[in-house]
Protein backbone atom coordinates (compact mmCIF):
# COMPACT_ATOMS: atom_id res chain seq x y z
CA UNK A 1 10.02 -25.41 17.41
CA UNK A 2 8.16 -22.92 19.53
CA UNK A 3 4.42 -22.53 19.87
CA UNK A 4 2.72 -19.30 20.90
CA UNK A 5 -0.85 -18.09 20.93
CA UNK A 6 -1.08 -14.47 19.82
CA UNK A 7 -4.12 -12.21 20.11
CA UNK A 8 -4.63 -9.75 17.26
CA UNK A 9 -6.69 -6.81 18.45
CA UNK A 10 -8.18 -4.69 15.74
CA UNK A 11 -10.56 -1.86 16.52
CA UNK A 12 -11.64 -0.89 13.02
CA UNK A 13 -14.92 -1.42 11.23
CA UNK A 14 -13.03 -3.50 8.70
CA UNK A 15 -12.73 -6.23 11.33
CA UNK A 16 -15.34 -5.32 13.92
CA UNK A 17 -14.49 -8.07 16.39
CA UNK A 18 -11.16 -8.97 17.91
CA UNK A 19 -9.31 -11.72 16.08
CA UNK A 20 -7.73 -14.37 18.26
CA UNK A 21 -5.47 -17.17 17.16
CA UNK A 22 -6.59 -20.68 18.08
CA UNK A 23 -5.11 -21.68 21.45
CA UNK A 24 -3.24 -24.61 19.95
CA UNK A 25 -2.22 -22.89 16.74
CA UNK A 26 1.44 -23.46 15.95
CA UNK A 27 3.61 -20.77 14.39
CA UNK A 28 7.04 -21.84 13.22
CA UNK A 29 9.29 -18.94 14.19
CA UNK A 30 12.92 -18.34 13.40
CA UNK A 31 15.17 -17.87 16.39
CA UNK A 32 14.90 -14.09 16.06
CA UNK A 33 11.10 -14.26 15.98
CA UNK A 34 11.10 -16.46 19.07
CA UNK A 35 13.24 -13.96 20.95
CA UNK A 36 11.13 -11.00 19.79
CA UNK A 37 7.90 -12.80 20.71
CA UNK A 38 9.29 -13.65 24.13
CA UNK A 39 10.26 -10.03 24.71
CA UNK A 40 6.84 -8.73 23.70
CA UNK A 41 4.88 -11.33 25.67
CA UNK A 42 7.00 -10.73 28.75
CA UNK A 43 5.65 -7.16 28.70
CA UNK A 44 2.09 -8.39 28.14
CA UNK A 45 2.10 -7.17 24.53
CA UNK A 46 -0.10 -9.73 22.82
CA UNK A 47 -1.33 -7.77 19.83
CA UNK A 48 1.12 -8.52 17.04
CA UNK A 49 1.29 -10.57 13.90
CA UNK A 50 4.19 -11.97 11.89
CA UNK A 51 4.62 -11.83 8.16
CA UNK A 52 2.58 -14.16 6.03
CA UNK A 53 2.62 -14.48 2.25
CA UNK A 54 -1.01 -15.62 2.12
CA UNK A 55 -3.22 -12.95 0.56
CA UNK A 56 -6.09 -14.01 2.84
CA UNK A 57 -4.10 -13.89 6.06
CA UNK A 58 -4.93 -11.59 8.94
CA UNK A 59 -1.40 -10.22 8.52
CA UNK A 60 -2.24 -8.86 5.06
CA UNK A 61 -5.52 -7.38 6.33
CA UNK A 62 -3.77 -5.70 9.24
CA UNK A 63 -0.99 -4.42 7.01
CA UNK A 64 -3.19 -2.98 4.28
CA UNK A 65 -6.24 -1.65 6.15
CA UNK A 66 -4.83 1.87 6.47
CA UNK A 67 -2.54 2.02 3.43
CA UNK A 68 -3.94 5.04 1.59
CA UNK A 69 -1.60 5.02 -1.41
CA UNK A 70 -2.14 1.71 -3.19
CA UNK A 71 1.18 2.11 -5.01
CA UNK A 72 2.69 0.75 -1.79
CA UNK A 73 0.30 -2.17 -1.25
CA UNK A 74 1.45 -4.21 -4.24
CA UNK A 75 2.98 -7.69 -3.71
CA UNK A 76 6.34 -6.40 -4.90
CA UNK A 77 6.62 -3.81 -2.10
CA UNK A 78 8.80 -4.75 0.90
CA UNK A 79 6.69 -5.82 3.85
CA UNK A 80 7.33 -5.81 7.60
CA UNK A 81 8.44 -8.91 9.45
CA UNK A 82 6.03 -8.00 12.26
CA UNK A 83 3.25 -5.51 13.00
CA UNK A 84 2.73 -4.54 16.64
CA UNK A 85 -0.43 -2.83 17.94
CA UNK A 86 0.33 -1.40 21.40
CA UNK A 87 -2.60 -0.61 23.68
CA UNK A 88 -0.95 1.75 26.15
CA UNK A 89 2.00 4.02 26.77
CA UNK A 90 3.74 1.16 28.58
CA UNK A 91 3.24 -1.20 25.65
CA UNK A 92 4.44 1.42 23.18
CA UNK A 93 7.56 2.00 25.25
CA UNK A 94 8.38 -1.72 25.33
CA UNK A 95 7.49 -2.31 21.70
CA UNK A 96 10.33 0.11 20.89
CA UNK A 97 12.73 -1.64 23.25
CA UNK A 98 11.87 -5.14 22.01
CA UNK A 99 12.32 -4.12 18.38
CA UNK A 100 15.65 -2.52 19.26
CA UNK A 101 16.81 -5.83 20.74
CA UNK A 102 15.92 -7.56 17.48
CA UNK A 103 17.61 -7.15 14.13
CA UNK A 104 14.65 -5.17 12.77
CA UNK A 105 14.52 -1.48 11.98
CA UNK A 106 11.42 0.45 13.03
CA UNK A 107 8.59 2.05 11.10
CA UNK A 108 5.78 3.90 12.92
CA UNK A 109 2.28 4.17 11.46
CA UNK A 110 -0.43 6.48 12.75
CA UNK A 111 -3.02 6.80 9.97
CA UNK A 112 -1.21 5.33 6.96
CA UNK A 113 -1.35 8.54 4.90
CA UNK A 114 2.37 8.87 4.18
CA UNK A 115 2.43 9.99 0.54
CA UNK A 116 5.48 7.80 -0.12
CA UNK A 117 4.53 4.91 2.18
CA UNK A 118 7.36 5.60 4.62
CA UNK A 119 5.31 4.59 7.66
CA UNK A 120 4.80 1.01 6.48
CA UNK A 121 7.34 0.07 3.81
CA UNK A 122 10.96 0.75 2.88
CA UNK A 123 13.28 0.79 -0.09
CA UNK A 124 16.34 -0.11 2.00
CA UNK A 125 15.97 -3.86 1.45
CA UNK A 126 16.50 -4.38 5.17
CA UNK A 127 14.13 -6.23 7.57
CA UNK A 128 11.81 -3.96 9.51
CA UNK A 129 8.85 -4.01 11.85
CA UNK A 130 5.87 -1.66 12.16
CA UNK A 131 4.56 -0.17 15.37
CA UNK A 132 0.97 0.68 14.48
CA UNK A 133 -0.73 3.27 16.71
CA UNK A 134 -4.31 2.50 15.64
CA UNK A 135 -5.40 1.42 19.12
CA UNK A 136 -3.86 4.49 20.75
CA UNK A 137 -6.69 6.78 19.71
CA UNK A 138 -8.11 8.20 22.93
CA UNK A 139 -9.08 11.89 22.99
CA UNK A 140 -9.57 13.62 26.36
CA UNK A 141 -11.07 17.10 26.06
CA UNK A 142 -11.08 19.69 28.85
CA UNK A 143 -13.45 22.44 27.70
CA UNK A 144 -12.73 24.59 30.76
CA UNK A 145 -9.07 25.03 29.76
CA UNK A 146 -9.72 24.68 26.02
CA UNK A 147 -7.16 21.88 25.80
CA UNK A 148 -7.13 18.21 24.87
CA UNK A 149 -4.76 15.29 25.34
CA UNK A 150 -4.80 13.27 22.13
CA UNK A 151 -3.07 9.95 21.59
CA UNK A 152 -1.04 9.90 18.38
CA UNK A 153 -3.13 7.15 16.81
CA UNK A 154 -6.27 9.29 16.89
CA UNK A 155 -7.36 10.49 13.47
CA UNK A 156 -8.23 14.09 12.72
CA UNK A 157 -11.85 13.03 12.39
CA UNK A 158 -11.80 11.50 15.87
CA UNK A 159 -10.26 14.68 17.26
CA UNK A 160 -12.81 16.94 15.56
CA UNK A 161 -15.73 14.78 16.67
CA UNK A 162 -14.68 14.59 20.31
CA UNK A 163 -13.74 18.26 20.56
CA UNK A 164 -17.10 19.34 19.13
CA UNK A 165 -19.14 16.97 21.30
CA UNK A 166 -17.29 17.64 24.55
CA UNK A 167 -17.27 21.43 24.09
CA UNK A 168 -20.88 21.67 22.93
CA UNK A 169 -19.56 22.86 19.56
CA UNK A 170 -17.81 25.91 20.98
CA UNK A 171 -14.27 24.71 20.25
CA UNK A 172 -12.38 23.39 17.24
CA UNK A 173 -8.85 22.51 16.21
CA UNK A 174 -6.81 23.79 13.23
CA UNK A 175 -5.63 20.82 11.19
CA UNK A 176 -6.17 19.11 7.84
CA UNK A 177 -9.32 18.24 5.95
CA UNK A 178 -8.97 14.46 5.54
CA UNK A 179 -10.69 12.79 8.49
CA UNK A 180 -8.67 9.56 8.38
CA UNK A 181 -5.23 11.16 8.67
CA UNK A 182 -3.46 10.12 11.87
CA UNK A 183 -2.56 12.93 14.24
CA UNK A 184 0.87 11.45 14.91
CA UNK A 185 2.21 12.04 11.43
CA UNK A 186 0.09 15.07 10.58
CA UNK A 187 1.08 17.23 13.53
CA UNK A 188 4.70 16.07 13.27
CA UNK A 189 4.84 17.69 9.82
CA UNK A 190 3.07 20.93 10.75
CA UNK A 191 -0.56 20.29 9.84
CA UNK A 192 -2.22 22.92 7.63
CA UNK A 193 -6.00 23.24 7.29
CA UNK A 194 -9.07 25.43 6.93
CA UNK A 195 -8.49 27.22 10.26
CA UNK A 196 -4.77 27.82 9.77
CA UNK A 197 -5.04 31.40 8.47
CA UNK A 198 -6.81 32.27 11.73
CA UNK A 199 -5.08 30.01 14.27
CA UNK A 200 -1.91 28.66 12.68
CA UNK A 201 -0.88 25.09 12.02
CA UNK A 202 -1.76 22.12 14.18
CA UNK A 203 1.85 22.11 15.40
CA UNK A 204 1.57 25.78 16.39
CA UNK A 205 -1.09 24.68 18.87
CA UNK A 206 0.84 21.90 20.63
CA UNK A 207 1.40 22.77 24.29
CA UNK A 208 3.08 19.59 25.50
CA UNK A 209 3.83 16.02 24.44
CA UNK A 210 4.32 12.61 25.92
CA UNK A 211 7.27 11.33 23.93
CA UNK A 212 9.15 8.04 23.97
CA UNK A 213 12.76 8.27 22.89
CA UNK A 214 14.86 5.52 21.24
CA UNK A 215 15.98 4.28 24.66
CA UNK A 216 12.42 3.91 25.91
CA UNK A 217 12.47 6.98 28.15
CA UNK A 218 9.09 8.66 28.55
CA UNK A 219 9.54 12.42 28.37
CA UNK A 220 7.35 15.50 28.47
CA UNK A 221 8.26 19.04 27.51
CA UNK A 222 9.91 19.88 30.82
CA UNK A 223 12.02 16.72 30.70
CA UNK A 224 13.33 16.98 27.14
CA UNK A 225 15.80 19.25 25.45
CA UNK A 226 14.06 22.32 24.06
CA UNK A 227 15.55 21.62 20.62
CA UNK A 228 13.81 18.24 20.65
CA UNK A 229 10.46 19.67 21.72
CA UNK A 230 10.86 22.18 18.90
CA UNK A 231 11.76 19.44 16.40
CA UNK A 232 8.83 17.11 17.04
CA UNK A 233 6.39 19.96 16.27
CA UNK A 234 6.82 20.23 12.52
CA UNK A 235 10.16 18.54 11.82
CA UNK A 236 8.51 15.56 10.15
CA UNK A 237 7.67 12.12 11.48
CA UNK A 238 9.95 9.12 11.72
CA UNK A 239 13.14 10.86 12.86
CA UNK A 240 13.06 11.38 16.61
CA UNK A 241 11.24 8.69 18.54
CA UNK A 242 7.49 8.26 18.95
CA UNK A 243 5.01 10.81 20.23
CA UNK A 244 2.56 8.89 22.40
CA UNK A 245 0.24 11.86 22.97
CA UNK A 246 -0.13 15.56 22.20
CA UNK A 247 -1.51 18.24 24.49
CA UNK A 248 -3.37 20.55 22.14
CA UNK A 249 -4.62 24.10 22.46
CA UNK A 250 -8.21 24.18 21.21
CA UNK A 251 -9.59 27.27 19.50
CA UNK A 252 -12.96 29.06 19.70
CA UNK A 253 -15.33 28.69 16.77
CA UNK A 254 -18.60 30.57 16.20
CA UNK A 255 -21.94 28.87 16.62
CA UNK A 256 -22.51 29.28 12.87
CA UNK A 257 -19.92 29.58 10.11
CA UNK A 258 -20.21 29.89 6.33
CA UNK A 259 -19.25 27.22 3.82
CA UNK A 260 -19.32 27.13 0.03
CA UNK A 261 -18.09 25.28 -3.05
CA UNK A 262 -18.24 27.12 -6.37
CA UNK A 263 -17.52 25.14 -9.54
CA UNK A 264 -16.60 26.88 -12.79
CA UNK A 265 -15.80 25.23 -16.11
CA UNK A 266 -15.25 26.46 -19.63
CA UNK A 267 -12.65 28.15 -21.78
CA UNK A 268 -9.14 28.28 -20.39
CA UNK A 269 -8.49 32.03 -20.64
CA UNK A 270 -11.47 33.21 -18.51
CA UNK A 271 -10.61 30.57 -15.90
CA UNK A 272 -7.01 31.76 -15.87
CA UNK A 273 -8.31 35.30 -15.27
CA UNK A 274 -10.27 34.07 -12.24
CA UNK A 275 -7.30 32.23 -10.77
CA UNK A 276 -4.97 35.13 -11.49
CA UNK A 277 -7.26 37.38 -9.46
CA UNK A 278 -7.49 34.74 -6.70
CA UNK A 279 -3.74 35.09 -6.15
CA UNK A 280 -4.37 38.63 -4.95
CA UNK A 281 -7.53 37.84 -2.99
CA UNK A 282 -7.03 34.46 -1.31
CA UNK A 283 -3.89 35.25 0.71
CA UNK A 284 -5.07 38.75 1.73
CA UNK A 285 -8.62 38.07 2.93
CA UNK A 286 -9.37 38.57 6.64
CA UNK A 287 -7.84 35.92 8.89
CA UNK A 288 -11.29 34.40 9.39
CA UNK A 289 -11.60 33.61 5.68
CA UNK A 290 -10.17 30.57 3.92
CA UNK A 291 -10.57 30.38 0.13
CA UNK A 292 -8.74 27.73 -1.88
CA UNK A 293 -8.92 26.81 -5.54
CA UNK A 294 -8.56 23.44 -7.27
CA UNK A 295 -7.79 23.34 -10.99
CA UNK A 296 -8.13 20.49 -13.47
CA UNK A 297 -8.40 19.93 -17.20
CA UNK A 298 -11.29 18.47 -19.17
CA UNK A 299 -11.16 16.04 -22.07
CA UNK A 300 -12.71 18.61 -24.42
CA UNK A 301 -9.72 20.92 -24.00
CA UNK A 302 -11.43 23.23 -21.52
CA UNK A 303 -10.68 23.54 -17.84
CA UNK A 304 -12.44 23.58 -14.48
CA UNK A 305 -11.85 25.43 -11.24
CA UNK A 306 -13.46 24.78 -7.85
CA UNK A 307 -13.37 27.45 -5.16
CA UNK A 308 -13.84 26.16 -1.62
CA UNK A 309 -14.45 28.62 1.18
CA UNK A 310 -14.88 28.71 4.94
CA UNK A 311 -15.66 31.93 6.78
CA UNK A 312 -15.83 32.10 10.57
CA UNK A 313 -18.95 34.21 10.59
CA UNK A 314 -22.42 34.64 9.06
CA UNK A 315 -23.02 34.33 5.36
CA UNK A 316 -24.11 37.97 5.06
CA UNK A 317 -20.61 39.05 6.08
CA UNK A 318 -18.97 36.46 3.83
CA UNK A 319 -21.07 37.63 0.89
CA UNK A 320 -20.23 41.27 1.56
CA UNK A 321 -16.48 40.55 1.70
CA UNK A 322 -16.47 38.47 -1.48
CA UNK A 323 -18.64 40.94 -3.38
CA UNK A 324 -16.16 43.72 -2.66
CA UNK A 325 -12.90 41.79 -2.90
CA UNK A 326 -13.71 39.25 -5.59
CA UNK A 327 -16.66 40.36 -7.74
CA UNK A 328 -15.22 38.34 -10.63
CA UNK A 329 -16.31 35.18 -8.82
CA UNK A 330 -19.94 36.27 -9.34
CA UNK A 331 -21.04 34.60 -6.16
CA UNK A 332 -24.62 34.86 -4.93
CA UNK A 333 -25.81 34.65 -1.36
CA UNK A 334 -27.65 31.43 -2.23
CA UNK A 335 -24.26 29.80 -2.94
CA UNK A 336 -23.37 30.17 0.74
CA UNK A 337 -24.46 27.81 3.51
CA UNK A 338 -24.48 28.46 7.23
CA UNK A 339 -23.68 25.51 9.46
CA UNK A 340 -21.69 24.55 12.55
CA UNK A 341 -17.92 24.24 12.33
CA UNK A 342 -18.08 20.49 12.84
CA UNK A 343 -20.42 20.21 9.86
CA UNK A 344 -17.81 21.92 7.68
CA UNK A 345 -15.32 19.18 8.59
CA UNK A 346 -17.87 16.69 7.24
CA UNK A 347 -18.06 18.64 3.98
CA UNK A 348 -14.29 18.95 3.72
CA UNK A 349 -13.76 15.24 4.36
CA UNK A 350 -16.46 14.17 1.87
CA UNK A 351 -18.24 11.98 4.43
CA UNK A 352 -21.95 11.77 5.08
CA UNK A 353 -22.41 12.72 8.72
CA UNK A 354 -20.68 13.96 11.85
CA UNK A 355 -20.59 10.44 13.26
CA UNK A 356 -18.78 9.28 10.10
CA UNK A 357 -15.80 11.40 11.13
CA UNK A 358 -14.86 8.58 13.51
CA UNK A 359 -14.77 5.95 10.78
CA UNK A 360 -11.40 4.88 9.42
CA UNK A 361 -12.68 3.36 6.21
CA UNK A 362 -11.96 5.53 3.19
CA UNK A 363 -11.68 5.33 -0.55
CA UNK A 364 -8.16 4.47 -1.65
CA UNK A 365 -6.34 4.87 -4.92
CA UNK A 366 -2.93 4.97 -6.53
CA UNK A 367 -1.35 8.40 -6.58
CA UNK A 368 1.77 10.52 -6.78
CA UNK A 369 1.97 14.04 -5.38
CA UNK A 370 4.39 16.96 -5.26
CA UNK A 371 4.30 20.46 -3.76
CA UNK A 372 5.52 24.01 -4.20
CA UNK A 373 5.34 27.44 -2.58
CA UNK A 374 4.51 30.62 -4.48
CA UNK A 375 5.94 33.98 -3.39
CA UNK A 376 4.96 36.17 -6.35
CA UNK A 377 1.78 35.81 -8.42
CA UNK A 378 1.99 33.53 -11.43
CA UNK A 379 1.37 35.42 -14.65
CA UNK A 380 -1.85 34.90 -16.54
CA UNK A 381 0.16 33.31 -19.35
CA UNK A 382 1.75 30.92 -16.87
CA UNK A 383 -1.68 29.91 -15.57
CA UNK A 384 -2.99 29.39 -19.10
CA UNK A 385 -0.04 27.10 -19.72
CA UNK A 386 -0.73 25.19 -16.49
CA UNK A 387 -4.39 24.59 -17.37
CA UNK A 388 -3.42 23.53 -20.89
CA UNK A 389 -0.98 21.06 -19.34
CA UNK A 390 -3.81 19.67 -17.18
CA UNK A 391 -6.05 19.11 -20.22
CA UNK A 392 -3.51 16.53 -21.40
CA UNK A 393 -4.02 14.40 -18.29
CA UNK A 394 -7.47 14.66 -16.75
CA UNK A 395 -6.67 12.36 -13.83
CA UNK A 396 -4.45 15.12 -12.44
CA UNK A 397 -5.29 18.30 -10.54
CA UNK A 398 -3.61 21.05 -8.55
CA UNK A 399 -4.80 22.78 -5.39
CA UNK A 400 -3.79 26.31 -4.40
CA UNK A 401 -4.08 26.75 -0.62
CA UNK A 402 -3.85 30.32 0.68
CA UNK A 403 -1.37 31.46 3.29
CA UNK A 404 -1.30 34.93 4.81
CA UNK A 405 -3.36 35.66 7.90
CA UNK A 406 -1.70 34.66 11.16
CA UNK A 407 0.80 32.55 9.21
CA UNK A 408 2.32 35.83 8.05
CA UNK A 409 2.90 36.85 11.67
CA UNK A 410 4.41 33.66 13.11
CA UNK A 411 8.20 33.55 12.90
CA UNK A 412 9.86 31.27 10.38
CA UNK A 413 12.09 29.77 13.09
CA UNK A 414 9.44 29.43 15.81
CA UNK A 415 8.92 25.83 14.64
CA UNK A 416 10.71 23.71 12.02
CA UNK A 417 7.94 24.55 9.52
CA UNK A 418 9.43 27.69 7.90
CA UNK A 419 6.90 28.61 5.21
CA UNK A 420 5.38 31.70 6.81
CA UNK A 421 5.80 35.36 5.83
CA UNK A 422 6.29 36.00 2.14
CA UNK A 423 4.43 32.93 0.90
CA UNK A 424 1.21 33.61 -0.98
CA UNK A 425 0.08 30.02 -1.22
CA UNK A 426 1.06 26.38 -1.40
CA UNK A 427 0.53 24.24 -4.49
CA UNK A 428 -0.26 20.56 -4.21
CA UNK A 429 0.08 18.56 -7.44
CA UNK A 430 -1.74 15.22 -7.57
CA UNK A 431 -2.26 12.55 -10.17
CA UNK A 432 -4.28 9.50 -9.21
CA UNK A 433 -5.56 6.33 -10.81
CA UNK A 434 -7.66 3.38 -9.72
CA UNK A 435 -6.00 0.24 -11.07
CA UNK A 436 -2.69 -1.23 -12.09
CA UNK A 437 -2.05 -1.31 -15.81
CA UNK A 438 1.26 -2.29 -17.33
CA UNK A 439 3.44 0.76 -17.86
CA UNK A 440 0.77 3.22 -16.72
CA UNK A 441 2.25 4.01 -13.30
CA UNK A 442 5.50 5.15 -14.90
CA UNK A 443 3.52 7.13 -17.48
CA UNK A 444 1.46 8.97 -14.85
CA UNK A 445 4.47 9.78 -12.68
CA UNK A 446 6.52 10.95 -15.67
CA UNK A 447 3.67 13.27 -16.67
CA UNK A 448 3.53 14.78 -13.17
CA UNK A 449 7.27 15.33 -13.15
CA UNK A 450 7.03 17.11 -16.50
CA UNK A 451 4.26 19.35 -15.16
CA UNK A 452 6.32 20.08 -12.04
CA UNK A 453 9.25 21.03 -14.27
CA UNK A 454 7.02 23.40 -16.25
CA UNK A 455 5.96 25.14 -13.03
CA UNK A 456 9.54 25.63 -11.85
CA UNK A 457 9.92 29.16 -13.18
CA UNK A 458 6.84 30.39 -11.27
CA UNK A 459 7.55 29.12 -7.75
CA UNK A 460 10.06 29.59 -4.92
CA UNK A 461 13.73 29.08 -5.72
CA UNK A 462 17.08 28.46 -4.03
CA UNK A 463 15.78 26.19 -2.71
CA UNK A 464 12.55 25.23 -4.42
CA UNK A 465 10.50 24.74 -1.25
CA UNK A 466 8.16 21.85 -0.45
CA UNK A 467 5.79 20.79 2.36
CA UNK A 468 7.03 17.81 4.37
CA UNK A 469 3.53 16.39 4.82
CA UNK A 470 3.38 16.02 1.03
CA UNK A 471 6.44 13.75 1.02
CA UNK A 472 8.20 13.55 -2.32
CA UNK A 473 11.07 11.09 -2.76
CA UNK A 474 11.93 12.75 -6.07
CA UNK A 475 13.72 15.35 -3.94
CA UNK A 476 16.27 12.73 -2.84
CA UNK A 477 16.76 9.93 -0.32
CA UNK A 478 19.19 8.99 2.41
CA UNK A 479 22.19 6.80 1.61
CA UNK A 480 21.80 4.69 4.73
CA UNK A 481 22.94 1.21 5.72
CA UNK A 482 21.75 -0.54 8.86
CA UNK A 483 24.28 -0.41 11.67
CA UNK A 484 26.12 2.62 10.32
CA UNK A 485 26.15 6.17 11.61
CA UNK A 486 25.84 9.22 9.42
CA UNK A 487 28.68 11.53 8.44
CA UNK A 488 29.03 15.16 7.47
CA UNK A 489 28.63 14.03 3.87
CA UNK A 490 25.35 12.29 4.76
CA UNK A 491 24.08 15.42 6.50
CA UNK A 492 24.97 17.53 3.48
CA UNK A 493 23.41 15.03 1.09
CA UNK A 494 20.15 15.21 3.07
CA UNK A 495 20.00 18.95 2.39
CA UNK A 496 18.51 17.99 -0.98
CA UNK A 497 15.15 17.55 0.73
CA UNK A 498 15.96 18.95 4.18
CA UNK A 499 16.46 22.45 2.82
CA UNK A 500 13.35 22.17 0.63
CA UNK A 501 11.13 21.15 3.54
CA UNK A 502 12.75 23.16 6.34
CA UNK A 503 14.91 25.89 4.72
CA UNK A 504 17.10 27.58 7.37
CA UNK A 505 15.79 25.26 10.10
CA UNK A 506 17.50 22.15 8.73
CA UNK A 507 20.72 22.55 10.73
CA UNK A 508 18.86 22.93 14.02
CA UNK A 509 16.94 19.76 13.18
CA UNK A 510 20.24 17.94 12.69
CA UNK A 511 21.35 19.16 16.13
CA UNK A 512 18.08 17.96 17.67
CA UNK A 513 18.41 14.56 15.98
CA UNK A 514 21.99 14.22 17.23
CA UNK A 515 20.82 14.91 20.79
CA UNK A 516 17.81 12.58 20.89
CA UNK A 517 18.74 9.78 18.46
CA UNK A 518 22.49 9.79 17.79
CA UNK A 519 22.40 6.12 16.75
CA UNK A 520 19.76 6.85 14.08
CA UNK A 521 17.31 4.27 15.43
CA UNK A 522 14.37 6.11 13.89
CA UNK A 523 15.09 6.63 10.23
CA UNK A 524 13.55 6.46 6.81
CA UNK A 525 14.36 7.52 3.28
CA UNK A 526 13.96 11.21 4.13
CA UNK A 527 14.54 11.32 7.88
CA UNK A 528 16.88 13.83 9.46
CA UNK A 529 20.36 12.30 9.89
CA UNK A 530 22.36 12.74 13.11
CA UNK A 531 25.84 14.19 12.98
CA UNK A 532 28.37 11.68 14.25
CA UNK A 533 30.78 12.97 16.87
């Protein structure tokens, strides 16, 4: 028997005060847990909790607080033996080393937004532990150099808030729209958002990193292999080690920008005409203009389309551009709002105020998503068919996000993210639901797969490309067993998704993985495999 007192530190509004175990509380640990606890405590890492099957336990609260896809919060999902919340670079370094000394594999969670739950669960049926970066959320902004050091547990909302406040709203950062996404995972996969047509992806604006490799070495750009620095900026999370912090290039934003949401509903054919025209307009607007479209079906057999726009300039200019380029939208100047850039992040995140960007609480649901890239416009008939498909399942929607702009001028090998020149837009397919009903999860997912199959003739081919931040296990999974190294066959098998996400960059990612993590310490169902020597 071994008795330890463990402090659980939790900095979220869900549990606003630190939770501390009673000094005399006894935890019956297995030998492996005793050894792991001793290792952690010897490095002054006190913020961890072991698995409990009690639904009211602090373990369950700490496990589920940031799980965004409720499909992976069910009792039947595999759960970690331990969750560790490091408070510093030193603690993160030694959390890795202590877990490596144990029999547990490692999962790393930044914001909990992994579409397939790969940051906090597994399908390998092998014991694992989570290193949760929630408490590593400091953001240090230097307005004079237009840079920021951001710990990988900081959310996009926390980054946006701090950048705006510290720069007196003169600077921004190009990344996604959801405020609760963790920067660790988001930037690792590229990070597309409303400013990307002007300034590129989040990963395009990484200047340096503080990175901890599988052996606990702390490395920056000058100390690591250039292939590895390349790989961590867009090669997907969970493959290389752990980024402790990013040095980001911040970008100038005007004092006032223009924002709008235009909702259209009605007969399918006129809506298809609008979207068909959008395919010409959205990707070819000035770099300063972002215009996406979201499409869904209605129960009455009609459809709906929402156009969301951000223009880095006054509304008079935005109105003039749209009137000339997209008169079919029939927009009026009263549809446009001028506001600060930081206020547009509030709109995009569907929160109430700028201060709410720092909150980690968010609405959660069950969902499945997939993605595509479009290189040639979809025919009007194809769009009519897509909207008709959506009328059969009104809990689903698709979002067309425009490319072009500076993305057209950044090389497809500059970073692992290859989807640059020649891509008109990305499609995100989503179906979501709010509760578990017998047989319904399989029904919803089967419907989405059928819709995805219908769209196959209209999108990129050989391979059919996908965005790694919209993880999709339907593309394939690793055949991995703990304690084994990968082979040429494993590397070739992983092309099923590796080529879809990374195209011609996949082989360089394999080389980078082989250099930094030849023993495959950091792995998941779709991680990059090393090539055994």
